[in-house]
PDB file of all heavy atoms in Angstrom:
ATOM      1  N   GLY A   1     -30.911  67.467  55.799  1.00  0.00           N
ATOM      2  CA  GLY A   1     -30.397  67.233  54.477  1.00  0.00           C
ATOM      3  C   GLY A   1     -30.125  68.408  53.617  1.00  0.00           C
ATOM      4  O   GLY A   1     -29.643  69.403  54.254  1.00  0.00           O
ATOM      5  N   ALA A   2     -30.482  68.337  52.405  1.00  0.00           N
ATOM      6  CA  ALA A   2     -30.327  69.569  51.664  1.00  0.00           C
ATOM      7  C   ALA A   2     -31.569  70.542  51.726  1.00  0.00           C
ATOM      8  O   ALA A   2     -32.615  70.134  52.379  1.00  0.00           O
ATOM      9  CB  ALA A   2     -30.332  69.089  50.125  1.00  0.00           C
ATOM     10  N   GLY A   3     -31.350  71.745  51.318  1.00  0.00           N
ATOM     11  CA  GLY A   3     -32.465  72.653  51.368  1.00  0.00           C
ATOM     12  C   GLY A   3     -32.204  73.727  52.495  1.00  0.00           C
ATOM     13  O   GLY A   3     -31.254  73.560  53.369  1.00  0.00           O
ATOM     14  N   PRO A   4     -33.195  74.598  52.563  1.00  0.00           N
ATOM     15  CA  PRO A   4     -32.983  75.720  53.572  1.00  0.00           C
ATOM     16  C   PRO A   4     -33.291  75.336  55.013  1.00  0.00           C
ATOM     17  O   PRO A   4     -34.010  74.304  55.272  1.00  0.00           O
ATOM     18  CB  PRO A   4     -33.920  76.870  52.999  1.00  0.00           C
ATOM     19  CG  PRO A   4     -35.007  76.006  52.390  1.00  0.00           C
ATOM     20  CD  PRO A   4     -34.347  74.735  51.837  1.00  0.00           C
ATOM     21  N   ALA A   5     -33.017  76.168  55.922  1.00  0.00           N
ATOM     22  CA  ALA A   5     -33.366  76.003  57.268  1.00  0.00           C
ATOM     23  C   ALA A   5     -34.994  76.164  57.300  1.00  0.00           C
ATOM     24  O   ALA A   5     -35.465  76.850  56.517  1.00  0.00           O
ATOM     25  CB  ALA A   5     -32.683  76.976  58.296  1.00  0.00           C
ATOM     26  N   VAL A   6     -35.629  75.551  58.322  1.00  0.00           N
ATOM     27  CA  VAL A   6     -37.038  75.660  58.245  1.00  0.00           C
ATOM     28  C   VAL A   6     -37.482  76.438  59.602  1.00  0.00           C
ATOM     29  O   VAL A   6     -37.112  76.226  60.681  1.00  0.00           O
ATOM     30  CB  VAL A   6     -37.619  74.259  58.354  1.00  0.00           C
ATOM     31  CG1 VAL A   6     -39.143  74.377  58.609  1.00  0.00           C
ATOM     32  CG2 VAL A   6     -37.387  73.464  57.087  1.00  0.00           C
ATOM     33  N   HIS A   7     -38.372  77.507  59.243  1.00  0.00           N
ATOM     34  CA  HIS A   7     -38.937  78.301  60.337  1.00  0.00           C
ATOM     35  C   HIS A   7     -40.210  77.627  60.659  1.00  0.00           C
ATOM     36  O   HIS A   7     -41.236  77.591  59.850  1.00  0.00           O
ATOM     37  CB  HIS A   7     -39.141  79.775  59.893  1.00  0.00           C
ATOM     38  CG  HIS A   7     -39.626  80.644  60.934  1.00  0.00           C
ATOM     39  ND1 HIS A   7     -38.703  81.076  61.931  1.00  0.00           N
ATOM     40  CD2 HIS A   7     -40.780  81.196  61.141  1.00  0.00           C
ATOM     41  CE1 HIS A   7     -39.435  81.890  62.721  1.00  0.00           C
ATOM     42  NE2 HIS A   7     -40.679  82.017  62.288  1.00  0.00           N
ATOM     43  N   LEU A   8     -40.458  76.956  61.873  1.00  0.00           N
ATOM     44  CA  LEU A   8     -41.494  76.138  62.222  1.00  0.00           C
ATOM     45  C   LEU A   8     -42.818  76.917  62.127  1.00  0.00           C
ATOM     46  O   LEU A   8     -43.863  76.478  61.641  1.00  0.00           O
ATOM     47  CB  LEU A   8     -41.460  75.558  63.530  1.00  0.00           C
ATOM     48  CG  LEU A   8     -40.272  74.502  63.809  1.00  0.00           C
ATOM     49  CD1 LEU A   8     -40.309  73.883  65.080  1.00  0.00           C
ATOM     50  CD2 LEU A   8     -40.260  73.458  62.733  1.00  0.00           C
ATOM     51  N   ALA A   9     -42.862  78.246  62.595  1.00  0.00           N
ATOM     52  CA  ALA A   9     -44.085  78.935  62.502  1.00  0.00           C
ATOM     53  C   ALA A   9     -44.470  79.243  60.995  1.00  0.00           C
ATOM     54  O   ALA A   9     -45.580  79.653  60.769  1.00  0.00           O
ATOM     55  CB  ALA A   9     -43.875  80.208  63.256  1.00  0.00           C
ATOM     56  N   GLY A  10     -43.563  79.086  59.977  1.00  0.00           N
ATOM     57  CA  GLY A  10     -43.806  79.392  58.696  1.00  0.00           C
ATOM     58  C   GLY A  10     -44.324  78.214  57.895  1.00  0.00           C
ATOM     59  O   GLY A  10     -44.539  78.292  56.643  1.00  0.00           O
ATOM     60  N   LEU A  11     -44.595  77.169  58.614  1.00  0.00           N
ATOM     61  CA  LEU A  11     -45.127  75.904  57.891  1.00  0.00           C
ATOM     62  C   LEU A  11     -46.552  76.153  57.654  1.00  0.00           C
ATOM     63  O   LEU A  11     -47.475  75.711  58.214  1.00  0.00           O
ATOM     64  CB  LEU A  11     -44.891  74.677  58.655  1.00  0.00           C
ATOM     65  CG  LEU A  11     -43.517  74.171  58.793  1.00  0.00           C
ATOM     66  CD1 LEU A  11     -43.307  73.064  59.856  1.00  0.00           C
ATOM     67  CD2 LEU A  11     -43.047  73.580  57.447  1.00  0.00           C
ATOM     68  N   ARG A  12     -46.897  76.913  56.595  1.00  0.00           N
ATOM     69  CA  ARG A  12     -48.188  77.333  56.232  1.00  0.00           C
ATOM     70  C   ARG A  12     -48.549  76.870  54.768  1.00  0.00           C
ATOM     71  O   ARG A  12     -47.653  76.483  54.025  1.00  0.00           O
ATOM     72  CB  ARG A  12     -48.441  78.759  56.388  1.00  0.00           C
ATOM     73  CG  ARG A  12     -47.856  79.491  57.626  1.00  0.00           C
ATOM     74  CD  ARG A  12     -48.781  79.591  58.696  1.00  0.00           C
ATOM     75  NE  ARG A  12     -48.252  80.281  59.893  1.00  0.00           N
ATOM     76  CZ  ARG A  12     -48.195  81.613  60.185  1.00  0.00           C
ATOM     77  NH1 ARG A  12     -48.971  82.370  59.423  1.00  0.00           N
ATOM     78  NH2 ARG A  12     -47.617  82.036  61.112  1.00  0.00           N
ATOM     79  N   GLY A  13     -49.779  76.985  54.349  1.00  0.00           N
ATOM     80  CA  GLY A  13     -50.159  76.859  52.933  1.00  0.00           C
ATOM     81  C   GLY A  13     -50.679  75.549  52.545  1.00  0.00           C
ATOM     82  O   GLY A  13     -51.388  75.421  51.507  1.00  0.00           O
ATOM     83  N   GLN A  14     -50.389  74.514  53.333  1.00  0.00           N
ATOM     84  CA  GLN A  14     -50.919  73.146  52.961  1.00  0.00           C
ATOM     85  C   GLN A  14     -50.923  72.250  54.261  1.00  0.00           C
ATOM     86  O   GLN A  14     -50.161  72.574  55.230  1.00  0.00           O
ATOM     87  CB  GLN A  14     -50.028  72.421  51.919  1.00  0.00           C
ATOM     88  CG  GLN A  14     -48.616  71.985  52.366  1.00  0.00           C
ATOM     89  CD  GLN A  14     -47.912  71.307  51.281  1.00  0.00           C
ATOM     90  OE1 GLN A  14     -46.940  71.815  50.770  1.00  0.00           O
ATOM     91  NE2 GLN A  14     -48.300  70.221  50.829  1.00  0.00           N
ATOM     92  N   PRO A  15     -51.731  71.183  54.293  1.00  0.00           N
ATOM     93  CA  PRO A  15     -51.723  70.394  55.467  1.00  0.00           C
ATOM     94  C   PRO A  15     -50.347  69.756  55.566  1.00  0.00           C
ATOM     95  O   PRO A  15     -49.678  69.456  54.721  1.00  0.00           O
ATOM     96  CB  PRO A  15     -52.793  69.374  55.027  1.00  0.00           C
ATOM     97  CG  PRO A  15     -53.540  69.950  53.929  1.00  0.00           C
ATOM     98  CD  PRO A  15     -52.699  70.840  53.245  1.00  0.00           C
ATOM     99  N   THR A  16     -49.941  69.719  56.971  1.00  0.00           N
ATOM    100  CA  THR A  16     -48.639  69.222  57.213  1.00  0.00           C
ATOM    101  C   THR A  16     -48.622  68.253  58.436  1.00  0.00           C
ATOM    102  O   THR A  16     -49.291  68.538  59.450  1.00  0.00           O
ATOM    103  CB  THR A  16     -47.721  70.469  57.545  1.00  0.00           C
ATOM    104  OG1 THR A  16     -47.688  71.327  56.441  1.00  0.00           O
ATOM    105  CG2 THR A  16     -46.252  69.950  57.888  1.00  0.00           C
ATOM    106  N   VAL A  17     -47.925  67.196  58.316  1.00  0.00           N
ATOM    107  CA  VAL A  17     -47.749  66.261  59.443  1.00  0.00           C
ATOM    108  C   VAL A  17     -46.228  66.527  59.892  1.00  0.00           C
ATOM    109  O   VAL A  17     -45.285  66.330  59.100  1.00  0.00           O
ATOM    110  CB  VAL A  17     -47.888  64.816  59.072  1.00  0.00           C
ATOM    111  CG1 VAL A  17     -47.580  63.921  60.221  1.00  0.00           C
ATOM    112  CG2 VAL A  17     -49.406  64.561  58.589  1.00  0.00           C
ATOM    113  N   VAL A  18     -46.053  66.870  61.208  1.00  0.00           N
ATOM    114  CA  VAL A  18     -44.769  67.078  61.844  1.00  0.00           C
ATOM    115  C   VAL A  18     -44.576  66.020  62.842  1.00  0.00           C
ATOM    116  O   VAL A  18     -45.314  65.810  63.785  1.00  0.00           O
ATOM    117  CB  VAL A  18     -44.701  68.482  62.442  1.00  0.00           C
ATOM    118  CG1 VAL A  18     -43.279  68.579  63.150  1.00  0.00           C
ATOM    119  CG2 VAL A  18     -44.822  69.505  61.459  1.00  0.00           C
ATOM    120  N   ASN A  19     -43.438  65.225  62.524  1.00  0.00           N
ATOM    121  CA  ASN A  19     -43.193  64.056  63.452  1.00  0.00           C
ATOM    122  C   ASN A  19     -41.809  64.391  64.240  1.00  0.00           C
ATOM    123  O   ASN A  19     -40.832  64.520  63.564  1.00  0.00           O
ATOM    124  CB  ASN A  19     -43.127  62.723  62.687  1.00  0.00           C
ATOM    125  CG  ASN A  19     -42.682  61.623  63.526  1.00  0.00           C
ATOM    126  OD1 ASN A  19     -41.561  61.129  63.511  1.00  0.00           O
ATOM    127  ND2 ASN A  19     -43.593  61.118  64.384  1.00  0.00           N
ATOM    128  N   VAL A  20     -41.883  64.451  65.524  1.00  0.00           N
ATOM    129  CA  VAL A  20     -40.700  64.552  66.329  1.00  0.00           C
ATOM    130  C   VAL A  20     -40.041  63.213  66.586  1.00  0.00           C
ATOM    131  O   VAL A  20     -40.774  62.229  67.228  1.00  0.00           O
ATOM    132  CB  VAL A  20     -41.082  65.347  67.636  1.00  0.00           C
ATOM    133  CG1 VAL A  20     -39.629  65.624  68.417  1.00  0.00           C
ATOM    134  CG2 VAL A  20     -41.762  66.635  67.330  1.00  0.00           C
ATOM    135  N   TRP A  21     -38.871  62.959  66.220  1.00  0.00           N
ATOM    136  CA  TRP A  21     -38.318  61.615  66.456  1.00  0.00           C
ATOM    137  C   TRP A  21     -36.695  61.796  66.697  1.00  0.00           C
ATOM    138  O   TRP A  21     -36.230  62.877  66.693  1.00  0.00           O
ATOM    139  CB  TRP A  21     -38.518  60.838  64.995  1.00  0.00           C
ATOM    140  CG  TRP A  21     -37.777  61.434  63.890  1.00  0.00           C
ATOM    141  CD1 TRP A  21     -37.956  62.407  63.104  1.00  0.00           C
ATOM    142  CD2 TRP A  21     -36.517  60.717  63.332  1.00  0.00           C
ATOM    143  NE1 TRP A  21     -37.080  62.551  62.025  1.00  0.00           N
ATOM    144  CE2 TRP A  21     -36.211  61.524  62.196  1.00  0.00           C
ATOM    145  CE3 TRP A  21     -35.712  59.708  63.589  1.00  0.00           C
ATOM    146  CZ2 TRP A  21     -35.026  61.254  61.406  1.00  0.00           C
ATOM    147  CZ3 TRP A  21     -34.725  59.284  62.804  1.00  0.00           C
ATOM    148  CH2 TRP A  21     -34.297  60.183  61.705  1.00  0.00           C
ATOM    149  N   ALA A  22     -36.195  60.575  66.935  1.00  0.00           N
ATOM    150  CA  ALA A  22     -34.705  60.406  67.208  1.00  0.00           C
ATOM    151  C   ALA A  22     -34.258  59.033  66.692  1.00  0.00           C
ATOM    152  O   ALA A  22     -35.050  58.140  66.962  1.00  0.00           O
ATOM    153  CB  ALA A  22     -34.355  60.850  68.623  1.00  0.00           C
ATOM    154  N   GLY A  23     -32.960  58.871  66.409  1.00  0.00           N
ATOM    155  CA  GLY A  23     -32.466  57.679  65.953  1.00  0.00           C
ATOM    156  C   GLY A  23     -32.389  56.769  67.247  1.00  0.00           C
ATOM    157  O   GLY A  23     -32.494  55.463  66.995  1.00  0.00           O
ATOM    158  N   TRP A  24     -32.266  57.224  68.362  1.00  0.00           N
ATOM    159  CA  TRP A  24     -32.155  56.376  69.596  1.00  0.00           C
ATOM    160  C   TRP A  24     -33.528  56.008  70.195  1.00  0.00           C
ATOM    161  O   TRP A  24     -33.581  55.196  71.131  1.00  0.00           O
ATOM    162  CB  TRP A  24     -31.288  57.029  70.767  1.00  0.00           C
ATOM    163  CG  TRP A  24     -31.782  58.389  70.911  1.00  0.00           C
ATOM    164  CD1 TRP A  24     -31.236  59.626  70.435  1.00  0.00           C
ATOM    165  CD2 TRP A  24     -32.825  58.955  71.681  1.00  0.00           C
ATOM    166  NE1 TRP A  24     -31.817  60.792  70.885  1.00  0.00           N
ATOM    167  CE2 TRP A  24     -32.873  60.347  71.631  1.00  0.00           C
ATOM    168  CE3 TRP A  24     -33.910  58.332  72.415  1.00  0.00           C
ATOM    169  CZ2 TRP A  24     -33.872  61.123  72.350  1.00  0.00           C
ATOM    170  CZ3 TRP A  24     -34.790  59.087  73.200  1.00  0.00           C
ATOM    171  CH2 TRP A  24     -34.762  60.451  73.099  1.00  0.00           C
ATOM    172  N   CYS A  25     -34.629  56.475  69.614  1.00  0.00           N
ATOM    173  CA  CYS A  25     -35.920  56.276  70.123  1.00  0.00           C
ATOM    174  C   CYS A  25     -36.569  55.158  69.496  1.00  0.00           C
ATOM    175  O   CYS A  25     -36.900  55.038  68.332  1.00  0.00           O
ATOM    176  CB  CYS A  25     -36.754  57.580  69.838  1.00  0.00           C
ATOM    177  SG  CYS A  25     -38.541  57.421  70.084  1.00  0.00           S
ATOM    178  N   GLU A  26     -36.761  54.076  70.299  1.00  0.00           N
ATOM    179  CA  GLU A  26     -37.276  52.779  69.686  1.00  0.00           C
ATOM    180  C   GLU A  26     -38.729  52.812  69.252  1.00  0.00           C
ATOM    181  O   GLU A  26     -39.113  52.336  68.247  1.00  0.00           O
ATOM    182  CB  GLU A  26     -37.113  51.593  70.703  1.00  0.00           C
ATOM    183  CG  GLU A  26     -35.631  51.228  70.907  1.00  0.00           C
ATOM    184  CD  GLU A  26     -35.635  50.001  71.808  1.00  0.00           C
ATOM    185  OE1 GLU A  26     -36.584  49.462  72.326  1.00  0.00           O
ATOM    186  OE2 GLU A  26     -34.395  49.681  72.188  1.00  0.00           O
ATOM    187  N   PRO A  27     -39.591  53.669  70.075  1.00  0.00           N
ATOM    188  CA  PRO A  27     -40.970  53.753  69.549  1.00  0.00           C
ATOM    189  C   PRO A  27     -40.943  54.487  68.255  1.00  0.00           C
ATOM    190  O   PRO A  27     -41.933  54.308  67.409  1.00  0.00           O
ATOM    191  CB  PRO A  27     -41.599  54.462  70.736  1.00  0.00           C
ATOM    192  CG  PRO A  27     -40.842  54.201  71.868  1.00  0.00           C
ATOM    193  CD  PRO A  27     -39.458  54.102  71.388  1.00  0.00           C
ATOM    194  N   CYS A  28     -40.003  55.437  68.018  1.00  0.00           N
ATOM    195  CA  CYS A  28     -40.029  56.147  66.726  1.00  0.00           C
ATOM    196  C   CYS A  28     -39.644  55.340  65.556  1.00  0.00           C
ATOM    197  O   CYS A  28     -40.159  55.323  64.474  1.00  0.00           O
ATOM    198  CB  CYS A  28     -38.863  57.280  66.728  1.00  0.00           C
ATOM    199  SG  CYS A  28     -39.154  58.477  68.032  1.00  0.00           S
ATOM    200  N   GLN A  29     -38.794  54.155  65.889  1.00  0.00           N
ATOM    201  CA  GLN A  29     -38.562  53.187  64.870  1.00  0.00           C
ATOM    202  C   GLN A  29     -39.693  52.406  64.481  1.00  0.00           C
ATOM    203  O   GLN A  29     -39.919  52.133  63.286  1.00  0.00           O
ATOM    204  CB  GLN A  29     -37.301  52.379  65.311  1.00  0.00           C
ATOM    205  CG  GLN A  29     -36.032  53.109  65.612  1.00  0.00           C
ATOM    206  CD  GLN A  29     -35.010  52.318  66.321  1.00  0.00           C
ATOM    207  OE1 GLN A  29     -35.052  51.066  66.331  1.00  0.00           O
ATOM    208  NE2 GLN A  29     -33.992  53.070  66.960  1.00  0.00           N
ATOM    209  N   ARG A  30     -40.436  52.089  65.551  1.00  0.00           N
ATOM    210  CA  ARG A  30     -41.736  51.270  65.256  1.00  0.00           C
ATOM    211  C   ARG A  30     -42.718  51.950  64.434  1.00  0.00           C
ATOM    212  O   ARG A  30     -43.433  51.300  63.735  1.00  0.00           O
ATOM    213  CB  ARG A  30     -42.251  50.736  66.479  1.00  0.00           C
ATOM    214  CG  ARG A  30     -41.284  49.728  67.335  1.00  0.00           C
ATOM    215  CD  ARG A  30     -42.062  48.970  68.322  1.00  0.00           C
ATOM    216  NE  ARG A  30     -42.507  49.870  69.474  1.00  0.00           N
ATOM    217  CZ  ARG A  30     -41.820  50.070  70.596  1.00  0.00           C
ATOM    218  NH1 ARG A  30     -40.727  49.519  70.727  1.00  0.00           N
ATOM    219  NH2 ARG A  30     -42.340  51.038  71.470  1.00  0.00           N
ATOM    220  N   GLU A  31     -42.858  53.282  64.643  1.00  0.00           N
ATOM    221  CA  GLU A  31     -43.988  53.992  64.021  1.00  0.00           C
ATOM    222  C   GLU A  31     -43.453  54.480  62.520  1.00  0.00           C
ATOM    223  O   GLU A  31     -44.284  54.931  61.729  1.00  0.00           O
ATOM    224  CB  GLU A  31     -44.359  55.158  64.762  1.00  0.00           C
ATOM    225  CG  GLU A  31     -43.435  56.306  64.812  1.00  0.00           C
ATOM    226  CD  GLU A  31     -43.872  57.502  65.463  1.00  0.00           C
ATOM    227  OE1 GLU A  31     -45.044  57.497  65.994  1.00  0.00           O
ATOM    228  OE2 GLU A  31     -43.254  58.530  65.584  1.00  0.00           O
ATOM    229  N   ALA A  32     -42.142  54.374  62.254  1.00  0.00           N
ATOM    230  CA  ALA A  32     -41.560  54.923  61.068  1.00  0.00           C
ATOM    231  C   ALA A  32     -42.213  54.371  59.775  1.00  0.00           C
ATOM    232  O   ALA A  32     -42.534  55.132  58.782  1.00  0.00           O
ATOM    233  CB  ALA A  32     -40.041  54.796  60.996  1.00  0.00           C
ATOM    234  N   PRO A  33     -42.574  53.098  59.625  1.00  0.00           N
ATOM    235  CA  PRO A  33     -43.245  52.607  58.489  1.00  0.00           C
ATOM    236  C   PRO A  33     -44.565  53.118  58.112  1.00  0.00           C
ATOM    237  O   PRO A  33     -44.957  53.426  57.007  1.00  0.00           O
ATOM    238  CB  PRO A  33     -43.417  51.094  58.810  1.00  0.00           C
ATOM    239  CG  PRO A  33     -42.360  50.727  59.656  1.00  0.00           C
ATOM    240  CD  PRO A  33     -42.184  51.952  60.596  1.00  0.00           C
ATOM    241  N   TYR A  34     -45.313  53.602  59.209  1.00  0.00           N
ATOM    242  CA  TYR A  34     -46.618  54.263  58.958  1.00  0.00           C
ATOM    243  C   TYR A  34     -46.412  55.633  58.355  1.00  0.00           C
ATOM    244  O   TYR A  34     -47.177  55.969  57.550  1.00  0.00           O
ATOM    245  CB  TYR A  34     -47.367  54.273  60.251  1.00  0.00           C
ATOM    246  CG  TYR A  34     -47.471  52.954  61.077  1.00  0.00           C
ATOM    247  CD1 TYR A  34     -47.320  52.909  62.362  1.00  0.00           C
ATOM    248  CD2 TYR A  34     -47.866  51.877  60.302  1.00  0.00           C
ATOM    249  CE1 TYR A  34     -47.350  51.672  63.069  1.00  0.00           C
ATOM    250  CE2 TYR A  34     -47.845  50.626  60.899  1.00  0.00           C
ATOM    251  CZ  TYR A  34     -47.678  50.543  62.357  1.00  0.00           C
ATOM    252  OH  TYR A  34     -47.754  49.319  63.037  1.00  0.00           O
ATOM    253  N   LEU A  35     -45.449  56.357  58.757  1.00  0.00           N
ATOM    254  CA  LEU A  35     -45.157  57.618  58.244  1.00  0.00           C
ATOM    255  C   LEU A  35     -44.585  57.541  56.862  1.00  0.00           C
ATOM    256  O   LEU A  35     -44.911  58.291  56.000  1.00  0.00           O
ATOM    257  CB  LEU A  35     -44.134  58.339  59.177  1.00  0.00           C
ATOM    258  CG  LEU A  35     -44.744  58.904  60.586  1.00  0.00           C
ATOM    259  CD1 LEU A  35     -43.676  59.085  61.573  1.00  0.00           C
ATOM    260  CD2 LEU A  35     -45.622  60.127  60.516  1.00  0.00           C
ATOM    261  N   ARG A  36     -43.702  56.639  56.721  1.00  0.00           N
ATOM    262  CA  ARG A  36     -43.146  56.350  55.369  1.00  0.00           C
ATOM    263  C   ARG A  36     -44.307  56.066  54.325  1.00  0.00           C
ATOM    264  O   ARG A  36     -44.271  56.754  53.126  1.00  0.00           O
ATOM    265  CB  ARG A  36     -42.207  55.174  55.368  1.00  0.00           C
ATOM    266  CG  ARG A  36     -41.391  54.993  54.148  1.00  0.00           C
ATOM    267  CD  ARG A  36     -40.521  53.840  54.420  1.00  0.00           C
ATOM    268  NE  ARG A  36     -41.062  52.641  54.574  1.00  0.00           N
ATOM    269  CZ  ARG A  36     -40.672  51.831  55.582  1.00  0.00           C
ATOM    270  NH1 ARG A  36     -39.666  52.096  56.369  1.00  0.00           N
ATOM    271  NH2 ARG A  36     -41.325  50.510  55.831  1.00  0.00           N
ATOM    272  N   SER A  37     -45.150  55.213  54.748  1.00  0.00           N
ATOM    273  CA  SER A  37     -46.312  54.991  53.840  1.00  0.00           C
ATOM    274  C   SER A  37     -47.202  56.067  53.617  1.00  0.00           C
ATOM    275  O   SER A  37     -47.668  56.464  52.470  1.00  0.00           O
ATOM    276  CB  SER A  37     -47.200  53.729  54.355  1.00  0.00           C
ATOM    277  OG  SER A  37     -48.198  53.491  53.742  1.00  0.00           O
ATOM    278  N   LEU A  38     -47.549  56.845  54.722  1.00  0.00           N
ATOM    279  CA  LEU A  38     -48.342  58.140  54.541  1.00  0.00           C
ATOM    280  C   LEU A  38     -47.709  59.097  53.550  1.00  0.00           C
ATOM    281  O   LEU A  38     -48.456  59.615  52.657  1.00  0.00           O
ATOM    282  CB  LEU A  38     -48.484  58.636  55.958  1.00  0.00           C
ATOM    283  CG  LEU A  38     -49.174  60.005  56.045  1.00  0.00           C
ATOM    284  CD1 LEU A  38     -50.804  59.708  55.741  1.00  0.00           C
ATOM    285  CD2 LEU A  38     -48.983  60.746  57.380  1.00  0.00           C
TER     286      LEU A  38
END
């Protein structure tokens, strides 16, 4: 979306949850509500 490119090794300074997903991935769709709520 908007905003700068992200340097993955630079994700520092606060706790972070990184979720690898895809629109074609059905298990990703099923887990999405839990991440949205989190």
